[in-house]
Amino acid sequence: MRPEIINIDGSPLYLDKDFNYFKNFISSRMYSSYVVLGDENSIRYCYPVIQGFLPDNTLVVEVAAGEANKTIETCHTIWQKLLAERVDRRALALLLGGGVIGDMGGLAVSTYKRGMDFVHIPTTLMSMTDSSIGGKTGIDFEGVKNAIGLFSKPKAIFTHLGFLDTLPDREVWSGFSEIVKHALIADQVLFRSISKTLSQSRPDINYEILRQSILVKKTLVERDPFESSVRKALNFGHTIGHAIESCMLHATNPITHGEAVLYGMIAEAWLSHRMGLILADNFEEILSVLLRMCDLSKIKDIDRLAFFNFILNDKKNESGKILFSLLNGIGSFSINKSVDKDAIDQSIDYLLAL
């Protein structure tokens, strides 16, 4: 039997099928109080599942859902609530939700009274495979994704696949993009095995696929905790993806983070091929998988000027160079690849012409 505990740079991640690890964690700790932070969706659909394991006087802080609310203003609301309820730094925060709650909630509680303990309880596939792992926290600022943030480790991560039953198919496919990304940069076998689920209306996610995906991120996080070298590989698809996501943030029908990453992976796989890092047959294999997962009609009206402003503010850029994490074959990566504006522009032309 595979272990249900994965240690990630000092933070245990529990594949918690029956919440036994969560119940034991709560009963064995002596915190002054408990705070559940979530959005209207996770509080409505997921909080009732864990409520019975927590004290009756647990404080619930609910914020508006969505990337558009991942701001300093929402952090201000969280801090106000914690102060009003006289929450002290010996309390435990339980971040119940997807990537927005994990990133923003982690920043809010890590700076409140110079830091309180927190745990992640990810409720989306995206947060289970990506945002809850690695100690990153952050908010968007001036339209730039994760422009403000810090590294702060959770005391634990409790992953329960049952929460995925509360999500629409679109959200599960969005999170599946991170599993595909992990496979593309580090696990050729995983990439070819997960492609078999693409004929279904909803990807078939089980604890073993989740474990394999998490282990990819674990390896890179532990080799490079502060993203100075190999951890940058996890940004594959994110340079162009983040810029597209930022452009679409206030659209009538905003795209999800996972959808943005999918678009970014297509464009950045094209760049990988253009720069001679991957062979044509590898590129075609990758493209056939990614195209089955996304709807390109959602991004036909990208504002190119705004797009490049976001690209130029990407956090990976150094010394005036636009740096990418690209593929070096299926299951391998290459970091700090400088790409000029013309090539990026051509990659977007290619993407929009599909």
Protein backbone atom coordinates (compact mmCIF):
# COMPACT_ATOMS: atom_id res chain seq x y z
CA MET A 1 0.00 0.00 0.00
CA ARG A 2 1.35 3.40 -0.97
CA PRO A 3 1.97 5.84 1.93
CA GLU A 4 -0.73 8.42 2.54
CA ILE A 5 1.72 11.02 3.90
CA ILE A 6 4.08 12.95 1.63
CA ASN A 7 6.59 15.19 3.38
CA ILE A 8 7.19 18.34 1.34
CA ASP A 9 10.03 20.50 2.61
CA GLY A 10 8.95 20.03 6.22
CA SER A 11 5.18 20.26 5.63
CA PRO A 12 3.29 16.95 5.72
CA LEU A 13 0.74 16.46 2.97
CA TYR A 14 -1.94 13.94 3.88
CA LEU A 15 -3.94 12.05 1.27
CA ASP A 16 -6.81 12.11 3.72
CA LYS A 17 -9.53 9.83 2.34
CA ASP A 18 -11.55 9.64 5.57
CA PHE A 19 -10.32 12.79 7.38
CA ASN A 20 -8.61 10.63 10.00
CA TYR A 21 -5.38 12.63 9.71
CA PHE A 22 -7.27 15.90 9.98
CA LYS A 23 -9.20 14.77 13.03
CA ASN A 24 -6.00 13.61 14.72
CA PHE A 25 -4.22 16.87 13.90
CA ILE A 26 -6.98 18.98 15.44
CA SER A 27 -7.36 16.82 18.54
CA SER A 28 -3.61 16.68 19.23
CA ARG A 29 -2.90 20.44 19.00
CA MET A 30 -3.45 23.15 21.59
CA TYR A 31 -4.31 26.27 19.63
CA SER A 32 -6.02 29.24 21.29
CA SER A 33 -8.76 29.28 18.65
CA TYR A 34 -9.55 28.20 15.10
CA VAL A 35 -10.33 30.32 12.05
CA VAL A 36 -11.73 28.88 8.82
CA LEU A 37 -11.07 31.15 5.85
CA GLY A 38 -12.94 30.41 2.63
CA ASP A 39 -15.03 31.92 -0.12
CA GLU A 40 -18.80 31.67 -0.50
CA ASN A 41 -18.49 28.41 -2.43
CA SER A 42 -16.09 26.54 -0.15
CA ILE A 43 -17.93 27.70 2.97
CA ARG A 44 -21.27 26.59 1.55
CA TYR A 45 -20.24 23.24 0.08
CA CYS A 46 -17.09 22.15 1.91
CA TYR A 47 -17.15 23.64 5.39
CA PRO A 48 -20.08 21.42 6.52
CA VAL A 49 -17.87 18.37 5.77
CA ILE A 50 -15.23 19.38 8.34
CA GLN A 51 -17.34 21.46 10.72
CA GLY A 52 -18.02 18.55 13.06
CA PHE A 53 -14.28 18.04 13.66
CA LEU A 54 -13.80 21.62 14.93
CA PRO A 55 -14.81 23.39 18.16
CA ASP A 56 -18.24 25.06 18.21
CA ASN A 57 -16.69 28.51 18.60
CA THR A 58 -14.64 28.24 15.39
CA LEU A 59 -14.59 31.59 13.58
CA VAL A 60 -15.60 31.53 9.92
CA VAL A 61 -14.29 34.29 7.66
CA GLU A 62 -15.96 34.30 4.26
CA VAL A 63 -14.74 36.37 1.30
CA ALA A 64 -15.91 36.80 -2.28
CA ALA A 65 -14.83 34.10 -4.72
CA GLY A 66 -12.71 34.60 -7.80
CA GLU A 67 -9.32 35.84 -8.97
CA ALA A 68 -10.69 39.39 -9.24
CA ASN A 69 -10.91 39.43 -5.42
CA LYS A 70 -7.31 38.28 -4.83
CA THR A 71 -6.34 41.78 -3.73
CA ILE A 72 -4.97 43.84 -0.86
CA GLU A 73 -8.52 45.09 -0.28
CA THR A 74 -9.72 41.56 0.50
CA CYS A 75 -6.72 41.06 2.80
CA HIS A 76 -7.79 44.27 4.55
CA THR A 77 -11.24 42.74 5.10
CA ILE A 78 -9.67 39.57 6.53
CA TRP A 79 -7.39 41.51 8.90
CA GLN A 80 -10.31 43.66 10.06
CA LYS A 81 -12.34 40.55 10.89
CA LEU A 82 -9.47 38.91 12.79
CA LEU A 83 -8.86 42.06 14.81
CA ALA A 84 -12.55 42.59 15.53
CA GLU A 85 -12.80 39.04 16.87
CA ARG A 86 -9.57 39.48 18.89
CA VAL A 87 -7.87 36.54 17.21
CA ASP A 88 -4.35 36.14 18.63
CA ARG A 89 -1.25 34.76 16.97
CA ARG A 90 -1.63 31.41 18.77
CA ALA A 91 -4.72 30.64 16.69
CA LEU A 92 -4.74 28.25 13.74
CA ALA A 93 -6.07 29.33 10.35
CA LEU A 94 -7.60 26.68 8.10
CA LEU A 95 -7.47 27.82 4.47
CA LEU A 96 -10.44 26.04 2.90
CA GLY A 97 -10.69 26.62 -0.82
CA GLY A 98 -8.89 26.82 -4.11
CA GLY A 99 -5.79 28.66 -5.22
CA VAL A 100 -7.11 32.14 -4.50
CA ILE A 101 -7.89 31.28 -0.88
CA GLY A 102 -4.60 29.43 -0.45
CA ASP A 103 -2.46 32.20 -1.93
CA MET A 104 -4.28 35.20 -0.48
CA GLY A 105 -5.24 33.57 2.82
CA GLY A 106 -1.67 32.39 3.31
CA LEU A 107 -0.40 35.95 2.84
CA ALA A 108 -3.06 37.45 5.12
CA VAL A 109 -2.48 35.11 8.06
CA SER A 110 1.31 35.03 7.60
CA THR A 111 1.43 38.80 8.07
CA TYR A 112 -1.31 39.14 10.71
CA LYS A 113 0.44 39.95 14.01
CA ARG A 114 3.67 38.83 12.29
CA GLY A 115 2.33 35.42 11.53
CA MET A 116 -0.01 32.72 12.75
CA ASP A 117 0.03 29.02 11.93
CA PHE A 118 -2.10 27.80 9.05
CA VAL A 119 -2.99 24.62 7.20
CA HIS A 120 -4.24 24.13 3.67
CA ILE A 121 -7.44 22.23 2.99
CA PRO A 122 -7.54 22.45 -0.82
CA THR A 123 -10.98 22.00 -2.36
CA THR A 124 -10.11 22.23 -6.07
CA LEU A 125 -7.89 20.04 -8.20
CA MET A 126 -5.75 23.06 -9.02
CA SER A 127 -5.04 23.73 -5.36
CA MET A 128 -4.54 20.03 -4.55
CA THR A 129 -1.82 19.61 -7.16
CA ASP A 130 -0.25 23.05 -7.22
CA SER A 131 -1.06 26.10 -5.14
CA SER A 132 -1.22 24.43 -1.71
CA ILE A 133 2.25 22.93 -2.23
CA GLY A 134 5.50 24.82 -1.90
CA GLY A 135 4.87 27.60 0.57
CA LYS A 136 4.02 30.38 -1.88
CA THR A 137 1.52 33.05 -0.86
CA GLY A 138 0.46 36.14 -2.74
CA ILE A 139 -2.04 38.56 -4.18
CA ASP A 140 -2.45 40.30 -7.52
CA PHE A 141 -1.54 43.99 -7.69
CA GLU A 142 -2.15 46.51 -10.47
CA GLY A 143 -3.38 43.61 -12.58
CA VAL A 144 -0.10 41.68 -12.23
CA LYS A 145 -0.52 38.10 -11.02
CA ASN A 146 1.05 37.40 -7.63
CA ALA A 147 2.99 40.67 -7.68
CA ILE A 148 2.92 40.86 -3.86
CA GLY A 149 3.67 37.84 -1.69
CA LEU A 150 6.08 35.85 0.40
CA PHE A 151 7.14 32.29 1.14
CA SER A 152 5.40 30.82 4.18
CA LYS A 153 5.06 27.11 4.95
CA PRO A 154 1.80 25.56 6.12
CA LYS A 155 1.83 23.31 9.15
CA ALA A 156 0.08 20.65 7.09
CA ILE A 157 -1.92 20.03 3.92
CA PHE A 158 -5.03 17.86 3.98
CA THR A 159 -6.08 16.61 0.55
CA HIS A 160 -9.50 14.97 0.22
CA LEU A 161 -10.68 14.03 -3.28
CA GLY A 162 -14.32 14.02 -2.21
CA PHE A 163 -14.32 17.81 -2.43
CA LEU A 164 -14.02 17.52 -6.21
CA ASP A 165 -17.59 16.24 -6.31
CA THR A 166 -18.73 19.77 -5.47
CA LEU A 167 -17.08 21.20 -8.61
CA PRO A 168 -18.39 21.61 -12.15
CA ASP A 169 -16.56 19.79 -14.94
CA ARG A 170 -14.92 23.04 -16.09
CA GLU A 171 -13.15 23.49 -12.75
CA VAL A 172 -11.90 19.91 -12.68
CA TRP A 173 -10.51 20.24 -16.21
CA SER A 174 -8.87 23.50 -15.11
CA GLY A 175 -7.05 21.73 -12.30
CA PHE A 176 -6.16 18.84 -14.57
CA SER A 177 -3.98 21.26 -16.55
CA GLU A 178 -1.52 21.32 -13.64
CA ILE A 179 -1.25 17.53 -13.65
CA VAL A 180 -0.55 17.66 -17.39
CA LYS A 181 2.07 20.37 -16.79
CA HIS A 182 3.82 18.28 -14.13
CA ALA A 183 3.88 15.34 -16.51
CA LEU A 184 5.23 17.41 -19.40
CA ILE A 185 8.13 18.83 -17.43
CA ALA A 186 9.13 15.72 -15.48
CA ASP A 187 7.19 12.50 -16.10
CA GLN A 188 6.83 11.16 -19.64
CA VAL A 189 5.06 8.00 -18.44
CA LEU A 190 2.46 10.02 -16.51
CA PHE A 191 1.83 12.24 -19.55
CA ARG A 192 1.08 9.28 -21.80
CA SER A 193 -1.10 7.55 -19.21
CA ILE A 194 -3.30 10.54 -18.35
CA SER A 195 -4.04 11.24 -22.01
CA LYS A 196 -6.33 8.20 -21.88
CA THR A 197 -8.82 10.08 -19.70
CA LEU A 198 -9.41 12.84 -22.24
CA SER A 199 -12.25 11.08 -24.04
CA GLN A 200 -14.44 11.42 -20.96
CA SER A 201 -16.59 14.40 -19.98
CA ARG A 202 -14.57 14.70 -16.78
CA PRO A 203 -11.01 13.49 -16.11
CA ASP A 204 -10.77 10.39 -13.94
CA ILE A 205 -8.79 11.54 -10.90
CA ASN A 206 -7.70 9.07 -8.24
CA TYR A 207 -5.24 9.23 -5.36
CA GLU A 208 -2.50 7.53 -7.39
CA ILE A 209 -2.56 10.09 -10.20
CA LEU A 210 -2.71 12.81 -7.58
CA ARG A 211 0.27 11.30 -5.76
CA GLN A 212 2.39 11.12 -8.92
CA SER A 213 1.62 14.73 -9.79
CA ILE A 214 2.38 15.91 -6.25
CA LEU A 215 5.69 14.04 -6.24
CA VAL A 216 6.85 16.03 -9.28
CA LYS A 217 6.23 19.29 -7.48
CA LYS A 218 7.71 17.94 -4.23
CA THR A 219 10.98 17.09 -5.96
CA LEU A 220 11.37 20.52 -7.52
CA VAL A 221 10.28 22.43 -4.40
CA GLU A 222 12.71 20.56 -2.17
CA ARG A 223 15.61 21.04 -4.60
CA ASP A 224 14.88 24.76 -4.87
CA PRO A 225 12.65 26.12 -2.06
CA PHE A 226 12.87 29.79 -3.10
CA GLU A 227 12.59 29.38 -6.88
CA SER A 228 16.12 30.42 -7.80
CA SER A 229 16.81 27.52 -10.18
CA VAL A 230 15.04 24.25 -11.07
CA ARG A 231 11.75 25.14 -9.40
CA LYS A 232 11.26 27.63 -12.20
CA ALA A 233 10.34 24.63 -14.36
CA LEU A 234 6.92 24.75 -12.68
CA ASN A 235 6.33 28.02 -14.52
CA PHE A 236 6.04 26.26 -17.87
CA GLY A 237 2.92 27.69 -19.52
CA HIS A 238 2.67 30.42 -16.93
CA THR A 239 4.51 33.34 -18.54
CA ILE A 240 2.09 33.57 -21.45
CA GLY A 241 -0.72 32.00 -19.40
CA HIS A 242 -0.55 34.59 -16.62
CA ALA A 243 -0.50 37.44 -19.15
CA ILE A 244 -3.59 36.04 -20.92
CA GLU A 245 -5.33 35.51 -17.58
CA SER A 246 -4.58 39.09 -16.50
CA CYS A 247 -5.94 40.44 -19.80
CA MET A 248 -9.16 38.47 -19.30
CA LEU A 249 -9.58 39.15 -15.59
CA HIS A 250 -12.44 41.63 -15.96
CA ALA A 251 -14.02 40.08 -19.04
CA THR A 252 -17.71 39.19 -19.00
CA ASN A 253 -16.74 35.53 -18.79
CA PRO A 254 -13.21 35.37 -17.29
CA ILE A 255 -11.17 32.29 -18.00
CA THR A 256 -9.94 30.10 -15.16
CA HIS A 257 -6.29 29.94 -14.13
CA GLY A 258 -6.05 26.41 -15.47
CA GLU A 259 -7.49 27.43 -18.84
CA ALA A 260 -4.95 30.25 -19.03
CA VAL A 261 -2.14 27.78 -18.27
CA LEU A 262 -3.40 25.50 -21.04
CA TYR A 263 -3.26 28.36 -23.55
CA GLY A 264 0.18 29.24 -22.22
CA MET A 265 1.43 25.66 -22.56
CA ILE A 266 0.33 25.53 -26.20
CA ALA A 267 2.14 28.77 -27.02
CA GLU A 268 5.22 27.86 -24.98
CA ALA A 269 5.38 24.35 -26.45
CA TRP A 270 5.40 26.08 -29.86
CA LEU A 271 8.27 28.28 -28.64
CA SER A 272 10.09 25.16 -27.41
CA HIS A 273 9.76 23.64 -30.88
CA ARG A 274 10.73 26.89 -32.63
CA MET A 275 13.89 27.13 -30.53
CA GLY A 276 14.87 23.54 -31.35
CA LEU A 277 14.29 22.20 -27.84
CA ILE A 278 11.67 19.61 -28.83
CA LEU A 279 11.18 17.61 -32.01
CA ALA A 280 8.23 18.10 -34.34
CA ASP A 281 6.64 14.76 -33.41
CA ASN A 282 6.87 15.60 -29.70
CA PHE A 283 5.23 18.96 -30.35
CA GLU A 284 2.39 17.37 -32.32
CA GLU A 285 1.81 14.81 -29.55
CA ILE A 286 1.68 17.57 -26.93
CA LEU A 287 -0.59 19.73 -29.05
CA SER A 288 -3.06 16.90 -29.67
CA VAL A 289 -3.49 16.44 -25.92
CA LEU A 290 -3.73 20.13 -24.99
CA LEU A 291 -6.20 21.00 -27.74
CA ARG A 292 -8.61 18.36 -26.46
CA MET A 293 -8.73 20.18 -23.12
CA CYS A 294 -9.47 23.79 -24.05
CA ASP A 295 -11.72 26.15 -26.00
CA LEU A 296 -9.61 28.68 -27.89
CA SER A 297 -12.63 30.81 -28.86
CA LYS A 298 -12.52 32.39 -25.38
CA ILE A 299 -9.35 34.34 -26.12
CA LYS A 300 -9.82 35.64 -29.66
CA ASP A 301 -9.84 39.31 -28.58
CA ILE A 302 -6.62 39.60 -26.55
CA ASP A 303 -5.35 43.19 -26.22
CA ARG A 304 -1.75 42.80 -27.43
CA LEU A 305 -0.50 46.01 -25.79
CA ALA A 306 -1.90 45.00 -22.40
CA PHE A 307 -0.64 41.45 -22.94
CA PHE A 308 2.96 42.60 -23.46
CA ASN A 309 2.78 44.97 -20.50
CA PHE A 310 1.96 41.96 -18.34
CA ILE A 311 4.72 39.89 -19.97
CA LEU A 312 7.26 42.63 -19.21
CA ASN A 313 6.22 42.58 -15.54
CA ASP A 314 6.55 38.81 -15.17
CA LYS A 315 8.41 37.95 -11.97
CA LYS A 316 10.88 35.64 -13.76
CA ASN A 317 12.33 38.43 -15.90
CA GLU A 318 15.89 39.51 -15.14
CA SER A 319 18.20 42.23 -16.44
CA GLY A 320 15.70 43.34 -19.05
CA LYS A 321 15.35 39.82 -20.50
CA ILE A 322 12.03 37.99 -20.82
CA LEU A 323 12.77 34.57 -19.38
CA PHE A 324 10.76 31.42 -19.99
CA SER A 325 10.67 27.88 -18.64
CA LEU A 326 10.29 25.69 -21.71
CA LEU A 327 10.23 22.01 -22.59
CA ASN A 328 13.32 20.04 -23.52
CA GLY A 329 11.41 17.02 -24.75
CA ILE A 330 8.42 15.35 -23.08
CA GLY A 331 9.26 14.86 -19.40
CA SER A 332 12.17 17.30 -19.40
CA PHE A 333 12.58 21.06 -19.08
CA SER A 334 14.87 23.98 -19.72
CA ILE A 335 14.81 27.13 -17.56
CA ASN A 336 15.88 30.77 -17.98
CA LYS A 337 15.40 30.72 -21.74
CA SER A 338 15.47 34.26 -23.11
CA VAL A 339 12.77 34.86 -25.73
CA ASP A 340 12.43 38.07 -27.74
CA LYS A 341 9.21 39.99 -28.28
CA ASP A 342 8.87 38.97 -31.94
CA ALA A 343 8.95 35.26 -31.08
CA ILE A 344 6.38 35.76 -28.32
CA ASP A 345 4.18 37.68 -30.74
CA GLN A 346 4.45 34.84 -33.26
CA SER A 347 3.53 32.29 -30.59
CA ILE A 348 0.32 34.23 -29.90
CA ASP A 349 -0.39 34.44 -33.64
CA TYR A 350 0.00 30.66 -33.78
CA LEU A 351 -2.25 30.15 -30.74
CA LEU A 352 -5.03 32.37 -32.05
CA ALA A 353 -4.90 30.79 -35.51
CA LEU A 354 -5.63 27.28 -34.19
